[in-house]
Amino acid sequence: MTGDKYILAPDGRTPIAEPDLLKWAEWFENHDRIVRQDHVGDYFVSTVFLGLDHDWSQKGPPVLWESMIFNSGVIRTGDDIQQRRYTSYDDALAGHEAMVERVRMAVKS
């Protein structure tokens, strides 16, 4: 269900559903949710664990990670966008690296 709350197992990669709002909030406040962050020129690429399911269609696995590019400028080439979401830690890490590479290529242009 959309909006379900999740924390990460001690491995920092495996999501665990947490139905208790107070337990979720305490975990969320006290744990590092950053997967990776990189500066590329004037841009900052950040990938984090969201803690809330962002699968608004309710048809697939929970969407719990997000990568974003921060800057006042816009990098957009073809179908590339400045934000992506993922259903697993491994996909988030790979997506982060791909986004960093796209920014590097755009900065070189």
N, C-alpha and C. Protein backbone atom coordinates (compact mmCIF):
# COMPACT_ATOMS: atom_id res chain seq x y z
N MET A 1 0.84 -1.19 0.00
CA MET A 1 0.00 0.00 0.00
C MET A 1 0.88 1.25 0.00
N THR A 2 0.50 2.23 -0.72
CA THR A 2 1.26 3.47 -0.82
C THR A 2 1.38 4.13 0.54
N GLY A 3 2.56 4.68 0.80
CA GLY A 3 2.78 5.38 2.05
C GLY A 3 3.21 4.47 3.17
N ASP A 4 3.32 3.16 2.91
CA ASP A 4 3.80 2.27 3.95
C ASP A 4 5.18 2.71 4.39
N LYS A 5 5.45 2.53 5.67
CA LYS A 5 6.70 2.97 6.27
C LYS A 5 7.71 1.82 6.31
N TYR A 6 8.97 2.14 6.03
CA TYR A 6 10.02 1.14 6.03
C TYR A 6 11.26 1.68 6.74
N ILE A 7 11.98 0.76 7.36
CA ILE A 7 13.31 1.04 7.90
C ILE A 7 14.26 0.08 7.18
N LEU A 8 15.54 0.21 7.45
CA LEU A 8 16.51 -0.70 6.86
C LEU A 8 17.05 -1.66 7.91
N ALA A 9 17.29 -2.89 7.49
CA ALA A 9 17.93 -3.89 8.34
C ALA A 9 19.35 -3.42 8.66
N PRO A 10 19.99 -4.05 9.64
CA PRO A 10 21.36 -3.64 9.99
C PRO A 10 22.34 -3.64 8.82
N ASP A 11 22.06 -4.40 7.75
CA ASP A 11 22.97 -4.38 6.60
C ASP A 11 22.89 -3.07 5.82
N GLY A 12 21.90 -2.21 6.15
CA GLY A 12 21.77 -0.91 5.49
C GLY A 12 21.22 -1.00 4.07
N ARG A 13 20.75 -2.17 3.67
CA ARG A 13 20.29 -2.37 2.29
C ARG A 13 18.90 -3.00 2.20
N THR A 14 18.52 -3.76 3.19
CA THR A 14 17.29 -4.54 3.14
C THR A 14 16.16 -3.81 3.85
N PRO A 15 15.09 -3.46 3.12
CA PRO A 15 13.97 -2.76 3.76
C PRO A 15 13.12 -3.70 4.60
N ILE A 16 12.64 -3.16 5.71
CA ILE A 16 11.75 -3.89 6.61
C ILE A 16 10.54 -3.00 6.86
N ALA A 17 9.35 -3.52 6.65
CA ALA A 17 8.13 -2.75 6.93
C ALA A 17 8.07 -2.44 8.42
N GLU A 18 7.72 -1.19 8.74
CA GLU A 18 7.58 -0.77 10.14
C GLU A 18 6.23 -0.10 10.31
N PRO A 19 5.23 -0.84 10.81
CA PRO A 19 3.89 -0.28 10.93
C PRO A 19 3.73 0.74 12.06
N ASP A 20 4.63 0.70 13.04
CA ASP A 20 4.53 1.60 14.19
C ASP A 20 5.14 2.96 13.83
N LEU A 21 4.31 3.99 13.78
CA LEU A 21 4.76 5.32 13.37
C LEU A 21 5.88 5.85 14.26
N LEU A 22 5.77 5.68 15.57
CA LEU A 22 6.80 6.21 16.48
C LEU A 22 8.12 5.47 16.31
N LYS A 23 8.09 4.16 16.15
CA LYS A 23 9.33 3.40 15.93
C LYS A 23 9.96 3.81 14.60
N TRP A 24 9.11 3.97 13.56
CA TRP A 24 9.62 4.39 12.26
C TRP A 24 10.27 5.77 12.35
N ALA A 25 9.59 6.71 13.01
CA ALA A 25 10.10 8.08 13.13
C ALA A 25 11.41 8.11 13.90
N GLU A 26 11.52 7.32 14.96
CA GLU A 26 12.77 7.27 15.73
C GLU A 26 13.90 6.71 14.88
N TRP A 27 13.62 5.63 14.14
CA TRP A 27 14.64 5.07 13.27
C TRP A 27 15.05 6.09 12.20
N PHE A 28 14.05 6.70 11.58
CA PHE A 28 14.28 7.66 10.51
C PHE A 28 15.16 8.82 10.97
N GLU A 29 14.95 9.27 12.18
CA GLU A 29 15.70 10.40 12.72
C GLU A 29 17.13 10.04 13.09
N ASN A 30 17.37 8.79 13.44
CA ASN A 30 18.65 8.40 14.02
C ASN A 30 19.54 7.53 13.15
N HIS A 31 19.16 7.29 11.91
CA HIS A 31 19.98 6.44 11.03
C HIS A 31 20.38 7.18 9.76
N ASP A 32 21.53 6.81 9.27
CA ASP A 32 22.04 7.38 8.03
C ASP A 32 21.30 6.74 6.86
N ARG A 33 20.62 7.54 6.07
CA ARG A 33 19.84 7.03 4.94
C ARG A 33 20.52 7.31 3.61
N ILE A 34 21.70 7.86 3.65
CA ILE A 34 22.42 8.21 2.42
C ILE A 34 23.05 6.97 1.80
N VAL A 35 22.76 6.76 0.53
CA VAL A 35 23.39 5.68 -0.23
C VAL A 35 24.71 6.20 -0.79
N ARG A 36 24.65 7.34 -1.46
CA ARG A 36 25.86 7.96 -2.00
C ARG A 36 25.54 9.40 -2.37
N GLN A 37 26.56 10.25 -2.28
CA GLN A 37 26.44 11.64 -2.70
C GLN A 37 27.73 12.05 -3.39
N ASP A 38 27.58 12.77 -4.51
CA ASP A 38 28.74 13.19 -5.29
C ASP A 38 28.55 14.61 -5.79
N HIS A 39 29.64 15.37 -5.79
CA HIS A 39 29.67 16.70 -6.41
C HIS A 39 30.30 16.54 -7.78
N VAL A 40 29.64 17.10 -8.78
CA VAL A 40 30.17 17.10 -10.15
C VAL A 40 30.06 18.53 -10.64
N GLY A 41 31.19 19.23 -10.69
CA GLY A 41 31.15 20.65 -11.04
C GLY A 41 30.26 21.38 -10.05
N ASP A 42 29.31 22.14 -10.55
CA ASP A 42 28.38 22.88 -9.71
C ASP A 42 27.17 22.06 -9.30
N TYR A 43 27.15 20.79 -9.62
CA TYR A 43 25.99 19.94 -9.36
C TYR A 43 26.27 18.99 -8.20
N PHE A 44 25.20 18.63 -7.51
CA PHE A 44 25.26 17.70 -6.39
C PHE A 44 24.27 16.58 -6.68
N VAL A 45 24.77 15.35 -6.73
CA VAL A 45 23.92 14.18 -6.97
C VAL A 45 23.81 13.42 -5.65
N SER A 46 22.58 13.20 -5.22
CA SER A 46 22.33 12.56 -3.94
C SER A 46 21.35 11.41 -4.11
N THR A 47 21.69 10.26 -3.51
CA THR A 47 20.81 9.10 -3.51
C THR A 47 20.58 8.68 -2.07
N VAL A 48 19.30 8.58 -1.70
CA VAL A 48 18.94 8.30 -0.30
C VAL A 48 17.82 7.26 -0.22
N PHE A 49 17.71 6.65 0.94
CA PHE A 49 16.59 5.79 1.30
C PHE A 49 15.47 6.70 1.78
N LEU A 50 14.28 6.58 1.18
CA LEU A 50 13.17 7.47 1.48
C LEU A 50 12.40 7.09 2.75
N GLY A 51 12.29 5.81 3.03
CA GLY A 51 11.57 5.37 4.21
C GLY A 51 10.06 5.26 4.04
N LEU A 52 9.53 5.81 2.97
CA LEU A 52 8.11 5.71 2.65
C LEU A 52 7.98 5.17 1.24
N ASP A 53 7.02 4.29 1.03
CA ASP A 53 6.80 3.72 -0.29
C ASP A 53 6.24 4.78 -1.23
N HIS A 54 6.94 5.01 -2.33
CA HIS A 54 6.51 5.98 -3.33
C HIS A 54 5.95 5.30 -4.58
N ASP A 55 5.46 4.06 -4.45
CA ASP A 55 4.81 3.37 -5.56
C ASP A 55 3.34 3.77 -5.57
N TRP A 56 3.06 4.87 -6.22
CA TRP A 56 1.70 5.41 -6.22
C TRP A 56 0.74 4.52 -6.99
N SER A 57 1.24 3.65 -7.88
CA SER A 57 0.35 2.77 -8.64
C SER A 57 -0.13 1.59 -7.80
N GLN A 58 0.58 1.29 -6.74
CA GLN A 58 0.28 0.16 -5.87
C GLN A 58 0.30 -1.17 -6.62
N LYS A 59 1.06 -1.24 -7.72
CA LYS A 59 1.10 -2.44 -8.54
C LYS A 59 2.44 -3.16 -8.48
N GLY A 60 3.40 -2.63 -7.78
CA GLY A 60 4.71 -3.25 -7.79
C GLY A 60 5.34 -3.24 -6.41
N PRO A 61 6.62 -3.59 -6.37
CA PRO A 61 7.33 -3.57 -5.09
C PRO A 61 7.46 -2.13 -4.58
N PRO A 62 7.71 -1.96 -3.30
CA PRO A 62 7.83 -0.60 -2.76
C PRO A 62 8.99 0.16 -3.40
N VAL A 63 8.74 1.41 -3.71
CA VAL A 63 9.75 2.31 -4.27
C VAL A 63 10.30 3.12 -3.09
N LEU A 64 11.53 2.80 -2.68
CA LEU A 64 12.03 3.31 -1.40
C LEU A 64 13.31 4.12 -1.49
N TRP A 65 13.91 4.23 -2.67
CA TRP A 65 15.15 4.99 -2.83
C TRP A 65 14.96 6.03 -3.92
N GLU A 66 15.75 7.12 -3.82
CA GLU A 66 15.63 8.20 -4.81
C GLU A 66 16.98 8.85 -5.04
N SER A 67 17.26 9.14 -6.31
CA SER A 67 18.42 9.94 -6.70
C SER A 67 17.91 11.27 -7.24
N MET A 68 18.62 12.34 -6.89
CA MET A 68 18.26 13.67 -7.40
C MET A 68 19.52 14.46 -7.71
N ILE A 69 19.38 15.35 -8.70
CA ILE A 69 20.43 16.30 -9.05
C ILE A 69 19.98 17.66 -8.52
N PHE A 70 20.87 18.31 -7.77
CA PHE A 70 20.56 19.63 -7.23
C PHE A 70 21.44 20.68 -7.87
N ASN A 71 20.82 21.73 -8.37
CA ASN A 71 21.49 22.90 -8.91
C ASN A 71 20.42 23.81 -9.46
N SER A 72 20.75 25.08 -9.61
CA SER A 72 19.76 26.00 -10.17
C SER A 72 19.60 25.80 -11.68
N GLY A 73 20.61 25.20 -12.32
CA GLY A 73 20.51 24.91 -13.75
C GLY A 73 19.78 23.60 -13.98
N VAL A 74 19.48 23.31 -15.21
CA VAL A 74 18.77 22.07 -15.54
C VAL A 74 19.64 21.26 -16.49
N ILE A 75 19.82 19.99 -16.16
CA ILE A 75 20.48 19.06 -17.06
C ILE A 75 19.39 18.16 -17.60
N ARG A 76 19.17 18.22 -18.89
CA ARG A 76 18.15 17.38 -19.49
C ARG A 76 18.57 17.05 -20.92
N THR A 77 18.76 15.78 -21.17
CA THR A 77 19.14 15.31 -22.49
C THR A 77 18.21 14.19 -22.89
N GLY A 78 17.42 14.37 -23.92
CA GLY A 78 16.49 13.31 -24.33
C GLY A 78 15.51 13.00 -23.22
N ASP A 79 15.50 11.73 -22.80
CA ASP A 79 14.58 11.29 -21.76
C ASP A 79 15.18 11.39 -20.36
N ASP A 80 16.41 11.86 -20.23
CA ASP A 80 17.03 11.96 -18.92
C ASP A 80 16.29 12.99 -18.07
N ILE A 81 16.15 12.71 -16.80
CA ILE A 81 15.51 13.64 -15.88
C ILE A 81 16.40 13.84 -14.67
N GLN A 82 16.04 14.77 -13.82
CA GLN A 82 16.86 15.08 -12.66
C GLN A 82 16.50 14.28 -11.42
N GLN A 83 15.59 13.35 -11.53
CA GLN A 83 15.19 12.55 -10.37
C GLN A 83 14.78 11.16 -10.83
N ARG A 84 15.22 10.15 -10.09
CA ARG A 84 14.83 8.76 -10.37
C ARG A 84 14.56 8.07 -9.04
N ARG A 85 13.66 7.09 -9.08
CA ARG A 85 13.35 6.31 -7.88
C ARG A 85 13.55 4.83 -8.17
N TYR A 86 13.79 4.06 -7.09
CA TYR A 86 14.19 2.66 -7.24
C TYR A 86 13.51 1.77 -6.20
N THR A 87 13.51 0.47 -6.50
CA THR A 87 12.89 -0.50 -5.60
C THR A 87 13.91 -1.32 -4.80
N SER A 88 15.20 -1.12 -5.06
CA SER A 88 16.21 -1.86 -4.30
C SER A 88 17.45 -1.00 -4.10
N TYR A 89 18.22 -1.35 -3.09
CA TYR A 89 19.47 -0.65 -2.82
C TYR A 89 20.41 -0.78 -4.03
N ASP A 90 20.54 -1.99 -4.55
CA ASP A 90 21.45 -2.20 -5.69
C ASP A 90 21.06 -1.36 -6.90
N ASP A 91 19.75 -1.30 -7.18
CA ASP A 91 19.30 -0.45 -8.29
C ASP A 91 19.57 1.02 -8.01
N ALA A 92 19.40 1.43 -6.76
CA ALA A 92 19.66 2.83 -6.39
C ALA A 92 21.13 3.17 -6.57
N LEU A 93 22.00 2.28 -6.16
CA LEU A 93 23.44 2.52 -6.30
C LEU A 93 23.83 2.59 -7.78
N ALA A 94 23.33 1.66 -8.58
CA ALA A 94 23.62 1.67 -10.02
C ALA A 94 23.02 2.92 -10.67
N GLY A 95 21.81 3.28 -10.28
CA GLY A 95 21.16 4.47 -10.81
C GLY A 95 21.92 5.74 -10.46
N HIS A 96 22.45 5.77 -9.24
CA HIS A 96 23.24 6.93 -8.81
C HIS A 96 24.46 7.08 -9.71
N GLU A 97 25.17 5.98 -9.91
CA GLU A 97 26.38 6.02 -10.74
C GLU A 97 26.04 6.47 -12.17
N ALA A 98 24.93 5.98 -12.71
CA ALA A 98 24.52 6.38 -14.06
C ALA A 98 24.18 7.86 -14.10
N MET A 99 23.53 8.37 -13.06
CA MET A 99 23.16 9.78 -13.02
C MET A 99 24.41 10.65 -12.91
N VAL A 100 25.36 10.23 -12.10
CA VAL A 100 26.63 10.97 -11.97
C VAL A 100 27.33 11.02 -13.33
N GLU A 101 27.34 9.91 -14.04
CA GLU A 101 27.99 9.88 -15.35
C GLU A 101 27.28 10.81 -16.33
N ARG A 102 25.95 10.84 -16.31
CA ARG A 102 25.20 11.75 -17.19
C ARG A 102 25.54 13.20 -16.87
N VAL A 103 25.66 13.53 -15.58
CA VAL A 103 26.02 14.89 -15.21
C VAL A 103 27.43 15.21 -15.68
N ARG A 104 28.36 14.27 -15.48
CA ARG A 104 29.75 14.49 -15.93
C ARG A 104 29.79 14.77 -17.43
N MET A 105 29.03 14.00 -18.21
CA MET A 105 29.01 14.20 -19.65
C MET A 105 28.40 15.55 -20.01
N ALA A 106 27.35 15.96 -19.31
CA ALA A 106 26.70 17.24 -19.58
C ALA A 106 27.61 18.40 -19.20
N VAL A 107 28.35 18.26 -18.11
CA VAL A 107 29.26 19.32 -17.66
C VAL A 107 30.39 19.49 -18.68
N LYS A 108 30.85 18.40 -19.28
CA LYS A 108 31.91 18.45 -20.28
C LYS A 108 31.48 19.14 -21.55
N SER A 109 30.18 19.09 -21.86
CA SER A 109 29.66 19.63 -23.12
C SER A 109 29.76 21.14 -23.17
